[in-house]
Amino acid sequence: MAENAASPDRRPVVTPTRVVAGLCLLAPFVAMLWVSSYARVEPTLIGIPFFYWYQMAWVLISTVLTTVAYTLVRREQRARKGGAGR
């Protein structure tokens, strides 16, 4: 098994595409864990305090970023396999 991992024809596991996908998945965690950036009432949106609508906006943003990460990884996997199948 060790000789398979060291074979010269294998591409590196950490590629720029996977780094971008990882950043897409990391962004929502950073945004939600950095509470001091959104722990306030103003500005309100339709009477909803910033604290709440900021978190709800990240639900939608997280969905988009997860979809982007998934698409990037799937595209890279298809390219590694020679573009065979979906």
Protein backbone atom coordinates (compact mmCIF):
# COMPACT_ATOMS: atom_id res chain seq x y z
CA MET A 1 0.00 0.00 0.00
CA ALA A 2 2.87 2.39 0.73
CA GLU A 3 4.26 1.98 -2.78
CA ASN A 4 0.90 3.11 -4.26
CA ALA A 5 1.01 6.39 -2.35
CA ALA A 6 4.57 7.09 -3.46
CA SER A 7 4.12 6.27 -7.15
CA PRO A 8 5.36 9.09 -9.40
CA ASP A 9 2.26 9.14 -11.65
CA ARG A 10 -0.12 10.17 -8.85
CA ARG A 11 -1.08 13.82 -8.57
CA PRO A 12 -0.74 15.61 -5.23
CA VAL A 13 -3.71 15.37 -2.90
CA VAL A 14 -3.59 19.07 -1.99
CA THR A 15 -4.38 20.96 -5.18
CA PRO A 16 -5.40 24.60 -5.68
CA THR A 17 -8.94 23.44 -6.42
CA ARG A 18 -9.15 21.61 -3.10
CA VAL A 19 -7.71 24.60 -1.27
CA VAL A 20 -10.45 26.82 -2.74
CA ALA A 21 -13.07 24.20 -1.81
CA GLY A 22 -11.68 24.07 1.72
CA LEU A 23 -11.84 27.85 2.02
CA CYS A 24 -15.45 27.78 0.83
CA LEU A 25 -16.24 25.33 3.61
CA LEU A 26 -14.22 27.23 6.22
CA ALA A 27 -15.71 30.68 5.59
CA PRO A 28 -19.10 30.04 7.28
CA PHE A 29 -17.39 28.67 10.40
CA VAL A 30 -15.16 31.72 10.70
CA ALA A 31 -18.09 34.07 10.09
CA MET A 32 -20.24 32.42 12.77
CA LEU A 33 -17.49 31.97 15.36
CA TRP A 34 -16.40 35.62 15.14
CA VAL A 35 -19.37 36.77 17.23
CA SER A 36 -18.07 40.26 17.98
CA SER A 37 -18.43 41.11 14.29
CA TYR A 38 -22.22 40.72 14.37
CA ALA A 39 -23.25 41.04 18.03
CA ARG A 40 -25.26 44.23 17.60
CA VAL A 41 -28.80 45.37 16.90
CA GLU A 42 -28.24 47.96 14.18
CA PRO A 43 -28.71 47.97 11.22
CA THR A 44 -32.13 46.40 11.19
CA LEU A 45 -33.69 44.82 8.12
CA ILE A 46 -37.50 45.00 8.02
CA GLY A 47 -37.43 45.42 11.80
CA ILE A 48 -35.20 42.35 12.34
CA PRO A 49 -32.03 43.07 14.34
CA PHE A 50 -28.70 42.61 12.57
CA PHE A 51 -27.73 39.75 14.89
CA TYR A 52 -30.55 37.57 13.52
CA TRP A 53 -30.62 38.45 9.84
CA TYR A 54 -26.83 38.15 9.59
CA GLN A 55 -27.03 34.55 10.81
CA MET A 56 -29.93 33.75 8.49
CA ALA A 57 -28.03 35.26 5.56
CA TRP A 58 -25.15 32.91 6.33
CA VAL A 59 -27.49 29.95 6.01
CA LEU A 60 -28.03 30.89 2.36
CA ILE A 61 -24.39 31.85 1.81
CA SER A 62 -23.26 28.54 3.33
CA THR A 63 -25.52 26.66 0.95
CA VAL A 64 -24.00 28.42 -2.04
CA LEU A 65 -20.42 27.93 -0.80
CA THR A 66 -21.01 24.24 -0.07
CA THR A 67 -22.44 23.78 -3.57
CA VAL A 68 -19.40 25.52 -5.08
CA ALA A 69 -17.01 23.34 -3.05
CA TYR A 70 -18.86 20.17 -4.07
CA THR A 71 -18.85 21.16 -7.73
CA LEU A 72 -15.13 21.97 -7.68
CA VAL A 73 -14.19 18.66 -6.06
CA ARG A 74 -16.45 16.65 -8.38
CA ARG A 75 -14.98 18.38 -11.43
CA GLU A 76 -11.45 17.65 -10.23
CA GLN A 77 -12.30 14.01 -9.54
CA ARG A 78 -13.74 13.63 -13.05
CA ALA A 79 -10.60 15.19 -14.52
CA ARG A 80 -8.41 12.78 -12.57
CA LYS A 81 -10.36 9.82 -13.91
CA GLY A 82 -10.02 11.11 -17.45
CA GLY A 83 -13.45 12.71 -17.68
CA ALA A 84 -15.28 9.39 -17.57
CA GLY A 85 -18.90 9.45 -16.43
CA ARG A 86 -20.79 11.76 -14.15
